[in-house]
Amino acid sequence: MIRKATEHDIDAVERGYTELLTHEKDNGSNSNWVLGVYPTRSVAEDSCRAGTLYVMECDGGICASMILNQVQSEEYYGIAWEYPARDDEVLILHTLCIPPSNAGRGYGTKMVRYAIEEARRMKCRVMRLDTYAGNQPASALYTKLGFRYAGIASVMLQGLIPEEQIFFELDLNHGM
């Protein structure tokens, strides 16, 4: 079941971030996130308070998390989007996290499909997201689910982590 997170989920979301980032530190990174820098407990807490943190429950625990909101970072405004929309017509997927112990079970697909349906419930016209340019698993997932590559930009993730990000969009009137 996917639902909005409550404050009782924060510990589990933080453990998911830590598990993923520890694994990536030891085995190579797909996300380019950095343990202790991004994402952190405060990211989960702030998003939970805002009502934008979502979790997936599996086997009595939290097995995935994501943030859904309408906040487009500055870099989004430099992308040549094919599907123009006002800010209030766009839902952004941020910080999709599937800890390695839960990888390979289709949870990423379920989370993104839920996000698409949530965007439609909100009457959005477009869904957008970004990921680290080296994150092949995420790029493959988004492409498989009908997202279109829209561009690339050099960014400072959260003002702290330099990276190349690629941007994707989905026309909610015609996609998936």
C-alpha atoms as a PDB file:
ATOM      1  CA  MET A   1       0.000   0.000   0.000  1.00  0.00           C
ATOM      2  CA  ILE A   2       1.261   3.477  -0.893  1.00  0.00           C
ATOM      3  CA  ARG A   3       0.149   6.357   1.298  1.00  0.00           C
ATOM      4  CA  LYS A   4       1.167   9.743   2.663  1.00  0.00           C
ATOM      5  CA  ALA A   5       3.760   9.358   5.372  1.00  0.00           C
ATOM      6  CA  THR A   6       3.153  10.204   9.013  1.00  0.00           C
ATOM      7  CA  GLU A   7       5.714  11.263  11.599  1.00  0.00           C
ATOM      8  CA  HIS A   8       5.801   7.617  12.731  1.00  0.00           C
ATOM      9  CA  ASP A   9       7.344   6.701   9.343  1.00  0.00           C
ATOM     10  CA  ILE A  10      10.317   9.077   9.563  1.00  0.00           C
ATOM     11  CA  ASP A  11      12.665   6.590  11.266  1.00  0.00           C
ATOM     12  CA  ALA A  12      11.962   3.980   8.576  1.00  0.00           C
ATOM     13  CA  VAL A  13      12.416   6.484   5.749  1.00  0.00           C
ATOM     14  CA  GLU A  14      15.716   7.619   7.251  1.00  0.00           C
ATOM     15  CA  ARG A  15      16.838   3.964   7.556  1.00  0.00           C
ATOM     16  CA  GLY A  16      16.004   3.522   3.869  1.00  0.00           C
ATOM     17  CA  TYR A  17      18.136   6.527   2.919  1.00  0.00           C
ATOM     18  CA  THR A  18      20.983   5.269   5.086  1.00  0.00           C
ATOM     19  CA  GLU A  19      20.793   1.719   3.708  1.00  0.00           C
ATOM     20  CA  LEU A  20      20.855   2.937   0.108  1.00  0.00           C
ATOM     21  CA  LEU A  21      23.640   5.452   0.614  1.00  0.00           C
ATOM     22  CA  THR A  22      25.792   3.061   2.640  1.00  0.00           C
ATOM     23  CA  HIS A  23      25.373   0.449  -0.093  1.00  0.00           C
ATOM     24  CA  GLU A  24      26.272   2.990  -2.797  1.00  0.00           C
ATOM     25  CA  LYS A  25      29.287   4.197  -0.827  1.00  0.00           C
ATOM     26  CA  ASP A  26      30.587   0.628  -0.697  1.00  0.00           C
ATOM     27  CA  ASN A  27      29.514  -0.537  -4.169  1.00  0.00           C
ATOM     28  CA  GLY A  28      29.375   2.510  -6.442  1.00  0.00           C
ATOM     29  CA  SER A  29      26.640   5.091  -6.734  1.00  0.00           C
ATOM     30  CA  ASN A  30      23.708   5.271  -9.107  1.00  0.00           C
ATOM     31  CA  SER A  31      22.060   8.171  -7.304  1.00  0.00           C
ATOM     32  CA  ASN A  32      25.078  10.439  -6.674  1.00  0.00           C
ATOM     33  CA  TRP A  33      23.481  11.208  -3.300  1.00  0.00           C
ATOM     34  CA  VAL A  34      25.867  11.479  -0.337  1.00  0.00           C
ATOM     35  CA  LEU A  35      25.352   9.935   3.098  1.00  0.00           C
ATOM     36  CA  GLY A  36      24.841  12.685   5.664  1.00  0.00           C
ATOM     37  CA  VAL A  37      24.386  15.327   2.944  1.00  0.00           C
ATOM     38  CA  TYR A  38      21.311  14.363   0.903  1.00  0.00           C
ATOM     39  CA  PRO A  39      18.801  12.958   1.486  1.00  0.00           C
ATOM     40  CA  THR A  40      18.708  13.242   5.265  1.00  0.00           C
ATOM     41  CA  ARG A  41      16.215  12.829   8.063  1.00  0.00           C
ATOM     42  CA  SER A  42      15.400  16.536   7.867  1.00  0.00           C
ATOM     43  CA  VAL A  43      14.380  16.109   4.204  1.00  0.00           C
ATOM     44  CA  ALA A  44      11.917  13.408   5.289  1.00  0.00           C
ATOM     45  CA  GLU A  45      10.692  15.460   8.259  1.00  0.00           C
ATOM     46  CA  ASP A  46      10.153  18.619   6.203  1.00  0.00           C
ATOM     47  CA  SER A  47       8.353  16.707   3.439  1.00  0.00           C
ATOM     48  CA  CYS A  48       6.200  14.837   5.944  1.00  0.00           C
ATOM     49  CA  ARG A  49       5.162  18.124   7.595  1.00  0.00           C
ATOM     50  CA  ALA A  50       4.313  19.512   4.152  1.00  0.00           C
ATOM     51  CA  GLY A  51       2.227  16.432   3.343  1.00  0.00           C
ATOM     52  CA  THR A  52       4.387  15.553   0.341  1.00  0.00           C
ATOM     53  CA  LEU A  53       6.257  12.465   1.608  1.00  0.00           C
ATOM     54  CA  TYR A  54       4.825   9.138   0.452  1.00  0.00           C
ATOM     55  CA  VAL A  55       5.754   5.649   1.591  1.00  0.00           C
ATOM     56  CA  MET A  56       5.071   2.111   0.467  1.00  0.00           C
ATOM     57  CA  GLU A  57       4.230  -0.443   3.136  1.00  0.00           C
ATOM     58  CA  CYS A  58       5.443  -4.009   2.595  1.00  0.00           C
ATOM     59  CA  ASP A  59       5.617  -6.900   5.029  1.00  0.00           C
ATOM     60  CA  GLY A  60       4.760  -4.694   7.990  1.00  0.00           C
ATOM     61  CA  GLY A  61       7.407  -2.068   7.248  1.00  0.00           C
ATOM     62  CA  ILE A  62       8.310   0.745   4.875  1.00  0.00           C
ATOM     63  CA  CYS A  63      10.016  -0.497   1.726  1.00  0.00           C
ATOM     64  CA  ALA A  64      10.120   2.664  -0.434  1.00  0.00           C
ATOM     65  CA  SER A  65       9.625   6.417  -0.226  1.00  0.00           C
ATOM     66  CA  MET A  66       9.275   9.445  -2.488  1.00  0.00           C
ATOM     67  CA  ILE A  67       8.389  13.110  -2.391  1.00  0.00           C
ATOM     68  CA  LEU A  68       5.656  14.507  -4.638  1.00  0.00           C
ATOM     69  CA  ASN A  69       5.183  18.239  -4.875  1.00  0.00           C
ATOM     70  CA  GLN A  70       4.963  21.114  -7.313  1.00  0.00           C
ATOM     71  CA  VAL A  71       8.383  22.588  -6.504  1.00  0.00           C
ATOM     72  CA  GLN A  72      10.570  22.945  -9.590  1.00  0.00           C
ATOM     73  CA  SER A  73      14.161  23.922  -8.891  1.00  0.00           C
ATOM     74  CA  GLU A  74      15.701  26.790 -10.825  1.00  0.00           C
ATOM     75  CA  GLU A  75      17.199  24.370 -13.367  1.00  0.00           C
ATOM     76  CA  TYR A  76      13.734  23.226 -14.452  1.00  0.00           C
ATOM     77  CA  TYR A  77      13.099  26.654 -15.947  1.00  0.00           C
ATOM     78  CA  GLY A  78      16.068  26.256 -18.306  1.00  0.00           C
ATOM     79  CA  ILE A  79      14.815  22.995 -19.842  1.00  0.00           C
ATOM     80  CA  ALA A  80      13.066  23.045 -23.222  1.00  0.00           C
ATOM     81  CA  TRP A  81       9.988  21.107 -22.145  1.00  0.00           C
ATOM     82  CA  GLU A  82       7.868  19.690 -24.951  1.00  0.00           C
ATOM     83  CA  TYR A  83       4.755  19.815 -22.787  1.00  0.00           C
ATOM     84  CA  PRO A  84       4.386  23.366 -21.477  1.00  0.00           C
ATOM     85  CA  ALA A  85       2.347  23.857 -18.323  1.00  0.00           C
ATOM     86  CA  ARG A  86       1.867  26.359 -15.542  1.00  0.00           C
ATOM     87  CA  ASP A  87       3.592  25.485 -12.256  1.00  0.00           C
ATOM     88  CA  ASP A  88       0.256  24.492 -10.710  1.00  0.00           C
ATOM     89  CA  GLU A  89      -0.308  22.015 -13.562  1.00  0.00           C
ATOM     90  CA  VAL A  90       2.932  20.105 -12.937  1.00  0.00           C
ATOM     91  CA  LEU A  91       3.691  17.431 -10.348  1.00  0.00           C
ATOM     92  CA  ILE A  92       7.351  16.719  -9.603  1.00  0.00           C
ATOM     93  CA  LEU A  93       8.656  13.400  -8.305  1.00  0.00           C
ATOM     94  CA  HIS A  94      11.676  13.842  -6.010  1.00  0.00           C
ATOM     95  CA  THR A  95      13.888  11.533  -3.973  1.00  0.00           C
ATOM     96  CA  LEU A  96      12.489   8.140  -4.986  1.00  0.00           C
ATOM     97  CA  CYS A  97      14.291   5.736  -2.654  1.00  0.00           C
ATOM     98  CA  ILE A  98      14.177   1.953  -2.837  1.00  0.00           C
ATOM     99  CA  PRO A  99      16.660   0.506  -0.323  1.00  0.00           C
ATOM    100  CA  PRO A 100      18.828  -2.313  -1.743  1.00  0.00           C
ATOM    101  CA  SER A 101      17.130  -4.891   0.497  1.00  0.00           C
ATOM    102  CA  ASN A 102      13.912  -4.142  -1.412  1.00  0.00           C
ATOM    103  CA  ALA A 103      15.376  -3.761  -4.915  1.00  0.00           C
ATOM    104  CA  GLY A 104      14.254  -5.891  -7.823  1.00  0.00           C
ATOM    105  CA  ARG A 105      10.674  -6.348  -6.626  1.00  0.00           C
ATOM    106  CA  GLY A 106       8.966  -3.790  -8.849  1.00  0.00           C
ATOM    107  CA  TYR A 107       8.542  -1.242  -6.058  1.00  0.00           C
ATOM    108  CA  GLY A 108      10.036   1.570  -8.145  1.00  0.00           C
ATOM    109  CA  THR A 109       7.509   0.901 -10.901  1.00  0.00           C
ATOM    110  CA  LYS A 110       4.645   0.838  -8.397  1.00  0.00           C
ATOM    111  CA  MET A 111       5.774   4.092  -6.796  1.00  0.00           C
ATOM    112  CA  VAL A 112       6.077   5.922 -10.128  1.00  0.00           C
ATOM    113  CA  ARG A 113       2.714   4.611 -11.322  1.00  0.00           C
ATOM    114  CA  TYR A 114       1.174   5.822  -8.072  1.00  0.00           C
ATOM    115  CA  ALA A 115       2.785   9.236  -8.610  1.00  0.00           C
ATOM    116  CA  ILE A 116       1.294   9.406 -12.107  1.00  0.00           C
ATOM    117  CA  GLU A 117      -2.164   8.617 -10.758  1.00  0.00           C
ATOM    118  CA  GLU A 118      -1.720  11.170  -7.971  1.00  0.00           C
ATOM    119  CA  ALA A 119      -0.795  13.800 -10.587  1.00  0.00           C
ATOM    120  CA  ARG A 120      -3.966  12.975 -12.490  1.00  0.00           C
ATOM    121  CA  ARG A 121      -6.056  13.188  -9.300  1.00  0.00           C
ATOM    122  CA  MET A 122      -4.573  16.642  -8.766  1.00  0.00           C
ATOM    123  CA  LYS A 123      -5.642  17.582 -12.316  1.00  0.00           C
ATOM    124  CA  CYS A 124      -2.031  18.156 -13.392  1.00  0.00           C
ATOM    125  CA  ARG A 125      -1.263  18.158 -17.107  1.00  0.00           C
ATOM    126  CA  VAL A 126       2.389  17.151 -16.845  1.00  0.00           C
ATOM    127  CA  MET A 127       4.651  15.188 -14.553  1.00  0.00           C
ATOM    128  CA  ARG A 128       8.347  16.032 -14.397  1.00  0.00           C
ATOM    129  CA  LEU A 129      11.388  14.676 -12.621  1.00  0.00           C
ATOM    130  CA  ASP A 130      15.141  14.660 -12.695  1.00  0.00           C
ATOM    131  CA  THR A 131      17.854  12.172 -11.898  1.00  0.00           C
ATOM    132  CA  TYR A 132      21.618  11.981 -11.876  1.00  0.00           C
ATOM    133  CA  ALA A 133      22.831  11.521 -15.462  1.00  0.00           C
ATOM    134  CA  GLY A 134      24.706   8.367 -14.407  1.00  0.00           C
ATOM    135  CA  ASN A 135      21.646   6.735 -12.863  1.00  0.00           C
ATOM    136  CA  GLN A 136      20.928   4.166 -15.567  1.00  0.00           C
ATOM    137  CA  PRO A 137      18.405   2.132 -13.513  1.00  0.00           C
ATOM    138  CA  ALA A 138      16.265   5.228 -12.865  1.00  0.00           C
ATOM    139  CA  SER A 139      16.524   6.421 -16.478  1.00  0.00           C
ATOM    140  CA  ALA A 140      15.453   2.991 -17.731  1.00  0.00           C
ATOM    141  CA  LEU A 141      12.516   2.918 -15.298  1.00  0.00           C
ATOM    142  CA  TYR A 142      11.236   6.344 -16.294  1.00  0.00           C
ATOM    143  CA  THR A 143      11.602   5.609 -20.011  1.00  0.00           C
ATOM    144  CA  LYS A 144       9.817   2.256 -19.607  1.00  0.00           C
ATOM    145  CA  LEU A 145       6.911   4.071 -17.944  1.00  0.00           C
ATOM    146  CA  GLY A 146       6.514   6.517 -20.832  1.00  0.00           C
ATOM    147  CA  PHE A 147       8.545   9.500 -19.684  1.00  0.00           C
ATOM    148  CA  ARG A 148      10.315  11.499 -22.367  1.00  0.00           C
ATOM    149  CA  TYR A 149      13.902  12.732 -21.998  1.00  0.00           C
ATOM    150  CA  ALA A 150      13.710  16.530 -21.975  1.00  0.00           C
ATOM    151  CA  GLY A 151      17.255  17.764 -21.336  1.00  0.00           C
ATOM    152  CA  ILE A 152      20.367  17.899 -19.196  1.00  0.00           C
ATOM    153  CA  ALA A 153      21.855  20.543 -16.901  1.00  0.00           C
ATOM    154  CA  SER A 154      24.758  20.995 -14.516  1.00  0.00           C
ATOM    155  CA  VAL A 155      23.377  21.566 -11.029  1.00  0.00           C
ATOM    156  CA  MET A 156      24.333  21.807  -7.386  1.00  0.00           C
ATOM    157  CA  LEU A 157      21.926  19.306  -5.832  1.00  0.00           C
ATOM    158  CA  GLN A 158      20.514  20.935  -2.701  1.00  0.00           C
ATOM    159  CA  GLY A 159      23.285  23.513  -3.154  1.00  0.00           C
ATOM    160  CA  LEU A 160      25.786  20.875  -1.980  1.00  0.00           C
ATOM    161  CA  ILE A 161      26.436  18.127  -4.548  1.00  0.00           C
ATOM    162  CA  PRO A 162      27.663  19.043  -8.046  1.00  0.00           C
ATOM    163  CA  GLU A 163      26.235  16.821 -10.771  1.00  0.00           C
ATOM    164  CA  GLU A 164      24.813  16.510 -14.247  1.00  0.00           C
ATOM    165  CA  GLN A 165      21.070  15.937 -14.028  1.00  0.00           C
ATOM    166  CA  ILE A 166      18.813  14.669 -16.756  1.00  0.00           C
ATOM    167  CA  PHE A 167      15.194  15.730 -16.882  1.00  0.00           C
ATOM    168  CA  PHE A 168      12.123  13.744 -17.907  1.00  0.00           C
ATOM    169  CA  GLU A 169       8.488  14.629 -18.519  1.00  0.00           C
ATOM    170  CA  LEU A 170       5.219  12.807 -19.062  1.00  0.00           C
ATOM    171  CA  ASP A 171       2.164  14.277 -20.785  1.00  0.00           C
ATOM    172  CA  LEU A 172      -0.598  13.114 -18.447  1.00  0.00           C
ATOM    173  CA  ASN A 173      -3.276  13.534 -21.104  1.00  0.00           C
ATOM    174  CA  HIS A 174      -1.622  11.003 -23.422  1.00  0.00           C
ATOM    175  CA  GLY A 175       1.013   9.076 -21.454  1.00  0.00           C
ATOM    176  CA  MET A 176       0.624   5.744 -19.688  1.00  0.00           C
END
